[in-house]
PDB file of N, CA and C in Angstrom:
ATOM      1  N   UNK A   1      20.778  -2.349 -46.369  1.00  0.00           N
ATOM      2  CA  UNK A   1      20.116  -3.395 -45.255  1.00  0.00           C
ATOM      3  C   UNK A   1      19.281  -2.417 -44.421  1.00  0.00           C
ATOM      4  N   UNK A   2      18.905  -1.372 -44.934  1.00  0.00           N
ATOM      5  CA  UNK A   2      17.762  -0.737 -43.854  1.00  0.00           C
ATOM      6  C   UNK A   2      16.521  -0.590 -44.410  1.00  0.00           C
ATOM      7  N   UNK A   3      16.438  -1.740 -44.127  1.00  0.00           N
ATOM      8  CA  UNK A   3      14.604  -2.038 -44.613  1.00  0.00           C
ATOM      9  C   UNK A   3      13.424  -2.154 -43.533  1.00  0.00           C
ATOM     10  N   UNK A   4      14.245  -2.061 -42.377  1.00  0.00           N
ATOM     11  CA  UNK A   4      13.544  -1.797 -40.813  1.00  0.00           C
ATOM     12  C   UNK A   4      13.519  -0.505 -41.052  1.00  0.00           C
ATOM     13  N   UNK A   5      12.329   0.057 -39.772  1.00  0.00           N
ATOM     14  CA  UNK A   5      12.866   1.619 -39.320  1.00  0.00           C
ATOM     15  C   UNK A   5      13.715   1.463 -38.415  1.00  0.00           C
ATOM     16  N   UNK A   6      14.254   2.480 -38.116  1.00  0.00           N
ATOM     17  CA  UNK A   6      15.471   2.872 -37.446  1.00  0.00           C
ATOM     18  C   UNK A   6      15.169   3.709 -36.046  1.00  0.00           C
ATOM     19  N   UNK A   7      15.294   3.237 -34.947  1.00  0.00           N
ATOM     20  CA  UNK A   7      15.168   4.233 -33.506  1.00  0.00           C
ATOM     21  C   UNK A   7      16.301   5.002 -33.299  1.00  0.00           C
ATOM     22  N   UNK A   8      16.377   5.726 -33.480  1.00  0.00           N
ATOM     23  CA  UNK A   8      17.976   6.512 -33.147  1.00  0.00           C
ATOM     24  C   UNK A   8      18.479   6.494 -31.547  1.00  0.00           C
ATOM     25  N   UNK A   9      19.837   6.284 -31.080  1.00  0.00           N
ATOM     26  CA  UNK A   9      19.886   6.299 -30.155  1.00  0.00           C
ATOM     27  C   UNK A   9      20.838   7.069 -29.588  1.00  0.00           C
ATOM     28  N   UNK A  10      20.949   7.141 -28.293  1.00  0.00           N
ATOM     29  CA  UNK A  10      21.723   8.133 -27.810  1.00  0.00           C
ATOM     30  C   UNK A  10      23.433   8.585 -27.712  1.00  0.00           C
ATOM     31  N   UNK A  11      23.933   7.498 -28.544  1.00  0.00           N
ATOM     32  CA  UNK A  11      25.094   7.581 -29.172  1.00  0.00           C
ATOM     33  C   UNK A  11      25.266   7.725 -30.766  1.00  0.00           C
ATOM     34  N   UNK A  12      24.433   7.801 -31.243  1.00  0.00           N
ATOM     35  CA  UNK A  12      24.312   8.525 -32.556  1.00  0.00           C
ATOM     36  C   UNK A  12      24.743   9.399 -33.051  1.00  0.00           C
ATOM     37  N   UNK A  13      24.352  10.832 -32.596  1.00  0.00           N
ATOM     38  CA  UNK A  13      25.484  11.985 -32.815  1.00  0.00           C
ATOM     39  C   UNK A  13      27.371  11.602 -32.485  1.00  0.00           C
ATOM     40  N   UNK A  14      27.577  10.827 -31.272  1.00  0.00           N
ATOM     41  CA  UNK A  14      29.065  11.321 -30.967  1.00  0.00           C
ATOM     42  C   UNK A  14      29.516  10.141 -31.887  1.00  0.00           C
ATOM     43  N   UNK A  15      28.386   8.587 -32.366  1.00  0.00           N
ATOM     44  CA  UNK A  15      29.179   7.939 -33.392  1.00  0.00           C
ATOM     45  C   UNK A  15      29.870   9.152 -34.381  1.00  0.00           C
ATOM     46  N   UNK A  16      28.389   9.482 -34.772  1.00  0.00           N
ATOM     47  CA  UNK A  16      28.744  10.600 -36.116  1.00  0.00           C
ATOM     48  C   UNK A  16      29.879  11.438 -36.399  1.00  0.00           C
ATOM     49  N   UNK A  17      30.185  12.154 -35.062  1.00  0.00           N
ATOM     50  CA  UNK A  17      31.473  13.021 -34.880  1.00  0.00           C
ATOM     51  C   UNK A  17      32.725  11.849 -35.157  1.00  0.00           C
ATOM     52  N   UNK A  18      32.877  11.089 -33.910  1.00  0.00           N
ATOM     53  CA  UNK A  18      34.016  10.184 -34.331  1.00  0.00           C
ATOM     54  C   UNK A  18      34.297   9.621 -35.074  1.00  0.00           C
ATOM     55  N   UNK A  19      33.316   9.343 -36.363  1.00  0.00           N
ATOM     56  CA  UNK A  19      33.628   8.354 -36.962  1.00  0.00           C
ATOM     57  C   UNK A  19      34.135   9.277 -38.923  1.00  0.00           C
ATOM     58  N   UNK A  20      34.493  10.840 -37.859  1.00  0.00           N
ATOM     59  CA  UNK A  20      34.778  11.861 -39.334  1.00  0.00           C
ATOM     60  C   UNK A  20      36.434  12.077 -38.905  1.00  0.00           C
ATOM     61  N   UNK A  21      36.766  11.660 -37.798  1.00  0.00           N
ATOM     62  CA  UNK A  21      38.077  11.386 -37.216  1.00  0.00           C
ATOM     63  C   UNK A  21      38.971  10.114 -37.038  1.00  0.00           C
ATOM     64  N   UNK A  22      38.333   9.055 -37.268  1.00  0.00           N
ATOM     65  CA  UNK A  22      39.139   7.762 -37.375  1.00  0.00           C
ATOM     66  C   UNK A  22      38.801   6.719 -38.323  1.00  0.00           C
ATOM     67  N   UNK A  23      39.392   5.789 -38.290  1.00  0.00           N
ATOM     68  CA  UNK A  23      38.607   4.710 -39.126  1.00  0.00           C
ATOM     69  C   UNK A  23      37.910   4.037 -39.352  1.00  0.00           C
ATOM     70  N   UNK A  24      38.093   3.661 -37.433  1.00  0.00           N
ATOM     71  CA  UNK A  24      37.066   2.282 -37.152  1.00  0.00           C
ATOM     72  C   UNK A  24      36.944   2.435 -35.882  1.00  0.00           C
ATOM     73  N   UNK A  25      35.596   1.781 -35.400  1.00  0.00           N
ATOM     74  CA  UNK A  25      35.347   1.784 -34.495  1.00  0.00           C
ATOM     75  C   UNK A  25      34.578   0.504 -34.323  1.00  0.00           C
ATOM     76  N   UNK A  26      34.813   0.248 -32.611  1.00  0.00           N
ATOM     77  CA  UNK A  26      34.224  -1.127 -31.989  1.00  0.00           C
ATOM     78  C   UNK A  26      33.222  -0.234 -31.415  1.00  0.00           C
ATOM     79  N   UNK A  27      31.858  -1.274 -31.873  1.00  0.00           N
ATOM     80  CA  UNK A  27      30.954  -0.771 -30.980  1.00  0.00           C
ATOM     81  C   UNK A  27      30.376  -2.190 -30.068  1.00  0.00           C
ATOM     82  N   UNK A  28      30.447  -2.311 -28.733  1.00  0.00           N
ATOM     83  CA  UNK A  28      30.642  -3.143 -28.244  1.00  0.00           C
ATOM     84  C   UNK A  28      29.137  -3.055 -27.087  1.00  0.00           C
ATOM     85  N   UNK A  29      28.814  -3.839 -26.873  1.00  0.00           N
ATOM     86  CA  UNK A  29      27.135  -3.621 -25.852  1.00  0.00           C
ATOM     87  C   UNK A  29      26.699  -5.219 -25.236  1.00  0.00           C
ATOM     88  N   UNK A  30      25.556  -4.803 -24.738  1.00  0.00           N
ATOM     89  CA  UNK A  30      24.607  -6.357 -24.832  1.00  0.00           C
ATOM     90  C   UNK A  30      24.446  -6.723 -26.141  1.00  0.00           C
ATOM     91  N   UNK A  31      23.685  -7.729 -25.688  1.00  0.00           N
ATOM     92  CA  UNK A  31      22.577  -8.397 -26.864  1.00  0.00           C
ATOM     93  C   UNK A  31      21.631  -7.319 -27.498  1.00  0.00           C
ATOM     94  N   UNK A  32      20.700  -7.083 -28.133  1.00  0.00           N
ATOM     95  CA  UNK A  32      19.720  -6.776 -28.092  1.00  0.00           C
ATOM     96  C   UNK A  32      19.542  -5.723 -28.204  1.00  0.00           C
ATOM     97  N   UNK A  33      20.414  -4.642 -28.409  1.00  0.00           N
ATOM     98  CA  UNK A  33      20.257  -3.196 -28.000  1.00  0.00           C
ATOM     99  C   UNK A  33      20.505  -2.502 -29.292  1.00  0.00           C
ATOM    100  N   UNK A  34      20.785  -2.830 -30.208  1.00  0.00           N
ATOM    101  CA  UNK A  34      20.896  -1.804 -31.261  1.00  0.00           C
ATOM    102  C   UNK A  34      22.580  -1.736 -31.987  1.00  0.00           C
ATOM    103  N   UNK A  35      23.080  -2.899 -31.311  1.00  0.00           N
ATOM    104  CA  UNK A  35      24.588  -2.269 -32.168  1.00  0.00           C
ATOM    105  C   UNK A  35      24.400  -2.498 -33.557  1.00  0.00           C
ATOM    106  N   UNK A  36      24.159  -3.436 -34.194  1.00  0.00           N
ATOM    107  CA  UNK A  36      24.143  -3.959 -35.621  1.00  0.00           C
ATOM    108  C   UNK A  36      23.158  -2.632 -36.314  1.00  0.00           C
ATOM    109  N   UNK A  37      22.144  -2.544 -35.809  1.00  0.00           N
ATOM    110  CA  UNK A  37      21.419  -1.326 -36.344  1.00  0.00           C
ATOM    111  C   UNK A  37      22.029  -0.158 -36.323  1.00  0.00           C
ATOM    112  N   UNK A  38      22.472   0.401 -35.749  1.00  0.00           N
ATOM    113  CA  UNK A  38      23.056   1.527 -35.530  1.00  0.00           C
ATOM    114  C   UNK A  38      24.164   1.552 -36.286  1.00  0.00           C
ATOM    115  N   UNK A  39      25.150   0.435 -36.143  1.00  0.00           N
ATOM    116  CA  UNK A  39      26.269   0.507 -37.344  1.00  0.00           C
ATOM    117  C   UNK A  39      26.203   0.269 -38.714  1.00  0.00           C
ATOM    118  N   UNK A  40      24.937  -0.229 -38.985  1.00  0.00           N
ATOM    119  CA  UNK A  40      24.783  -0.155 -40.491  1.00  0.00           C
ATOM    120  C   UNK A  40      23.743   1.162 -41.017  1.00  0.00           C
ATOM    121  N   UNK A  41      23.503   1.693 -40.039  1.00  0.00           N
ATOM    122  CA  UNK A  41      22.967   3.343 -40.471  1.00  0.00           C
ATOM    123  C   UNK A  41      24.126   4.172 -41.234  1.00  0.00           C
ATOM    124  N   UNK A  42      25.530   3.789 -41.166  1.00  0.00           N
ATOM    125  CA  UNK A  42      26.643   4.382 -41.288  1.00  0.00           C
ATOM    126  C   UNK A  42      27.745   4.063 -42.197  1.00  0.00           C
ATOM    127  N   UNK A  43      27.199   2.860 -42.736  1.00  0.00           N
ATOM    128  CA  UNK A  43      28.131   2.162 -43.931  1.00  0.00           C
ATOM    129  C   UNK A  43      27.672   1.846 -45.277  1.00  0.00           C
ATOM    130  N   UNK A  44      28.308   1.687 -46.207  1.00  0.00           N
ATOM    131  CA  UNK A  44      27.934   1.129 -47.495  1.00  0.00           C
ATOM    132  C   UNK A  44      28.267  -0.193 -47.948  1.00  0.00           C
ATOM    133  N   UNK A  45      28.695  -1.031 -46.758  1.00  0.00           N
ATOM    134  CA  UNK A  45      28.976  -2.555 -47.076  1.00  0.00           C
ATOM    135  C   UNK A  45      28.956  -3.215 -46.094  1.00  0.00           C
ATOM    136  N   UNK A  46      27.933  -4.180 -45.860  1.00  0.00           N
ATOM    137  CA  UNK A  46      28.056  -5.103 -44.474  1.00  0.00           C
ATOM    138  C   UNK A  46      28.587  -6.216 -45.089  1.00  0.00           C
ATOM    139  N   UNK A  47      29.162  -6.854 -44.057  1.00  0.00           N
ATOM    140  CA  UNK A  47      29.821  -8.103 -43.974  1.00  0.00           C
ATOM    141  C   UNK A  47      29.221  -8.970 -42.818  1.00  0.00           C
ATOM    142  N   UNK A  48      28.608 -10.177 -43.255  1.00  0.00           N
ATOM    143  CA  UNK A  48      28.285 -10.848 -42.172  1.00  0.00           C
ATOM    144  C   UNK A  48      29.424 -11.969 -41.947  1.00  0.00           C
ATOM    145  N   UNK A  49      30.036 -11.999 -41.093  1.00  0.00           N
ATOM    146  CA  UNK A  49      30.537 -13.342 -40.998  1.00  0.00           C
ATOM    147  C   UNK A  49      30.075 -14.641 -40.170  1.00  0.00           C
ATOM    148  N   UNK A  50      29.100 -14.307 -39.780  1.00  0.00           N
ATOM    149  CA  UNK A  50      28.250 -15.260 -39.390  1.00  0.00           C
ATOM    150  C   UNK A  50      27.743 -16.697 -40.417  1.00  0.00           C
ATOM    151  N   UNK A  51      27.461 -15.435 -41.414  1.00  0.00           N
ATOM    152  CA  UNK A  51      27.018 -15.982 -42.946  1.00  0.00           C
ATOM    153  C   UNK A  51      27.813 -17.019 -43.523  1.00  0.00           C
ATOM    154  N   UNK A  52      28.376 -18.587 -44.035  1.00  0.00           N
ATOM    155  CA  UNK A  52      29.042 -19.265 -44.067  1.00  0.00           C
ATOM    156  C   UNK A  52      29.072 -18.512 -45.563  1.00  0.00           C
ATOM    157  N   UNK A  53      28.224 -18.159 -46.035  1.00  0.00           N
ATOM    158  CA  UNK A  53      28.818 -17.985 -47.509  1.00  0.00           C
ATOM    159  C   UNK A  53      29.487 -16.739 -47.725  1.00  0.00           C
ATOM    160  N   UNK A  54      29.288 -15.629 -47.125  1.00  0.00           N
ATOM    161  CA  UNK A  54      29.819 -14.347 -47.070  1.00  0.00           C
ATOM    162  C   UNK A  54      31.435 -14.725 -46.297  1.00  0.00           C
ATOM    163  N   UNK A  55      31.488 -15.155 -45.685  1.00  0.00           N
ATOM    164  CA  UNK A  55      32.588 -15.968 -44.436  1.00  0.00           C
ATOM    165  C   UNK A  55      33.535 -16.481 -46.085  1.00  0.00           C
ATOM    166  N   UNK A  56      33.163 -17.260 -46.488  1.00  0.00           N
ATOM    167  CA  UNK A  56      33.805 -18.052 -48.162  1.00  0.00           C
ATOM    168  C   UNK A  56      34.484 -17.102 -48.899  1.00  0.00           C
ATOM    169  N   UNK A  57      33.562 -16.217 -49.115  1.00  0.00           N
ATOM    170  CA  UNK A  57      33.635 -15.660 -50.375  1.00  0.00           C
ATOM    171  C   UNK A  57      35.429 -14.544 -49.216  1.00  0.00           C
ATOM    172  N   UNK A  58      35.047 -13.818 -48.753  1.00  0.00           N
ATOM    173  CA  UNK A  58      35.969 -12.935 -47.655  1.00  0.00           C
ATOM    174  C   UNK A  58      37.180 -13.649 -47.378  1.00  0.00           C
ATOM    175  N   UNK A  59      37.229 -15.112 -47.281  1.00  0.00           N
ATOM    176  CA  UNK A  59      38.161 -15.860 -46.905  1.00  0.00           C
ATOM    177  C   UNK A  59      39.184 -16.242 -48.307  1.00  0.00           C
ATOM    178  N   UNK A  60      38.445 -16.343 -49.516  1.00  0.00           N
ATOM    179  CA  UNK A  60      38.816 -16.676 -50.808  1.00  0.00           C
ATOM    180  C   UNK A  60      39.436 -15.182 -51.482  1.00  0.00           C
ATOM    181  N   UNK A  61      38.840 -14.138 -51.002  1.00  0.00           N
ATOM    182  CA  UNK A  61      39.324 -12.886 -51.236  1.00  0.00           C
ATOM    183  C   UNK A  61      39.028 -12.041 -50.854  1.00  0.00           C
ATOM    184  N   UNK A  62      40.382 -11.708 -49.869  1.00  0.00           N
ATOM    185  CA  UNK A  62      39.839 -10.464 -48.257  1.00  0.00           C
ATOM    186  C   UNK A  62      39.783  -9.268 -48.965  1.00  0.00           C
ATOM    187  N   UNK A  63      38.685  -8.158 -48.444  1.00  0.00           N
ATOM    188  CA  UNK A  63      38.773  -7.023 -48.864  1.00  0.00           C
ATOM    189  C   UNK A  63      40.306  -6.266 -48.887  1.00  0.00           C
ATOM    190  N   UNK A  64      40.427  -5.778 -49.786  1.00  0.00           N
ATOM    191  CA  UNK A  64      41.680  -4.541 -49.645  1.00  0.00           C
ATOM    192  C   UNK A  64      41.007  -3.548 -48.505  1.00  0.00           C
ATOM    193  N   UNK A  65      42.178  -2.462 -48.075  1.00  0.00           N
ATOM    194  CA  UNK A  65      41.877  -1.475 -46.831  1.00  0.00           C
ATOM    195  C   UNK A  65      40.988  -0.342 -47.748  1.00  0.00           C
ATOM    196  N   UNK A  66      39.703   0.123 -46.995  1.00  0.00           N
ATOM    197  CA  UNK A  66      39.294   1.007 -47.843  1.00  0.00           C
ATOM    198  C   UNK A  66      39.778   2.550 -47.792  1.00  0.00           C
ATOM    199  N   UNK A  67      39.621   3.527 -48.374  1.00  0.00           N
ATOM    200  CA  UNK A  67      39.820   4.678 -48.165  1.00  0.00           C
ATOM    201  C   UNK A  67      38.641   5.873 -48.468  1.00  0.00           C
ATOM    202  N   UNK A  68      39.140   7.258 -48.185  1.00  0.00           N
ATOM    203  CA  UNK A  68      37.571   7.617 -48.676  1.00  0.00           C
ATOM    204  C   UNK A  68      36.153   7.654 -47.792  1.00  0.00           C
ATOM    205  N   UNK A  69      35.343   7.700 -48.203  1.00  0.00           N
ATOM    206  CA  UNK A  69      33.833   7.930 -47.438  1.00  0.00           C
ATOM    207  C   UNK A  69      33.396   6.490 -47.284  1.00  0.00           C
ATOM    208  N   UNK A  70      34.034   5.518 -48.157  1.00  0.00           N
ATOM    209  CA  UNK A  70      33.636   4.354 -48.299  1.00  0.00           C
ATOM    210  C   UNK A  70      34.335   3.634 -46.932  1.00  0.00           C
ATOM    211  N   UNK A  71      32.939   3.049 -46.290  1.00  0.00           N
ATOM    212  CA  UNK A  71      33.474   2.592 -45.273  1.00  0.00           C
ATOM    213  C   UNK A  71      32.645   1.114 -45.276  1.00  0.00           C
ATOM    214  N   UNK A  72      33.052  -0.077 -44.350  1.00  0.00           N
ATOM    215  CA  UNK A  72      32.112  -1.569 -44.205  1.00  0.00           C
ATOM    216  C   UNK A  72      32.212  -1.821 -42.815  1.00  0.00           C
ATOM    217  N   UNK A  73      30.901  -2.890 -42.514  1.00  0.00           N
ATOM    218  CA  UNK A  73      31.113  -3.433 -41.368  1.00  0.00           C
ATOM    219  C   UNK A  73      31.131  -4.784 -41.129  1.00  0.00           C
ATOM    220  N   UNK A  74      31.792  -5.090 -40.170  1.00  0.00           N
ATOM    221  CA  UNK A  74      31.924  -6.494 -39.919  1.00  0.00           C
ATOM    222  C   UNK A  74      31.330  -7.135 -38.974  1.00  0.00           C
ATOM    223  N   UNK A  75      30.439  -8.128 -38.828  1.00  0.00           N
ATOM    224  CA  UNK A  75      29.708  -8.704 -37.585  1.00  0.00           C
ATOM    225  C   UNK A  75      29.968 -10.183 -37.516  1.00  0.00           C
ATOM    226  N   UNK A  76      30.457 -10.441 -36.734  1.00  0.00           N
ATOM    227  CA  UNK A  76      30.589 -11.872 -36.202  1.00  0.00           C
ATOM    228  C   UNK A  76      29.669 -12.338 -35.366  1.00  0.00           C
ATOM    229  N   UNK A  77      28.814 -13.432 -35.303  1.00  0.00           N
ATOM    230  CA  UNK A  77      28.309 -14.092 -34.415  1.00  0.00           C
ATOM    231  C   UNK A  77      29.019 -15.013 -33.487  1.00  0.00           C
ATOM    232  N   UNK A  78      27.932 -15.679 -32.380  1.00  0.00           N
ATOM    233  CA  UNK A  78      28.807 -16.947 -31.551  1.00  0.00           C
ATOM    234  C   UNK A  78      29.330 -17.897 -32.350  1.00  0.00           C
ATOM    235  N   UNK A  79      28.744 -18.363 -33.129  1.00  0.00           N
ATOM    236  CA  UNK A  79      28.604 -19.530 -34.224  1.00  0.00           C
ATOM    237  C   UNK A  79      30.154 -19.145 -35.621  1.00  0.00           C
ATOM    238  N   UNK A  80      30.506 -18.022 -35.343  1.00  0.00           N
ATOM    239  CA  UNK A  80      31.552 -18.177 -36.330  1.00  0.00           C
ATOM    240  C   UNK A  80      33.100 -19.011 -35.577  1.00  0.00           C
ATOM    241  N   UNK A  81      33.739 -19.449 -36.564  1.00  0.00           N
ATOM    242  CA  UNK A  81      34.594 -20.702 -36.150  1.00  0.00           C
ATOM    243  C   UNK A  81      35.752 -19.477 -35.736  1.00  0.00           C
TER     244      UNK A  81
END
């Protein structure tokens, strides 16, 4: 998903350090400030819960907990049920 230019944010170094010590983080903030782009820089899999097709796949076979360096990012939109 890294097809566009990423502009580093102030939170990047703190997030990088935090992800060495915790299994998950929640990135919260105003719309349009780069939360999704920031998260996508650090994961191997993106699950877009606002996409009906991706949501159906997850509903049919929920992902198993990940271990090791594998990470995934799940994003929801206001249109998610």
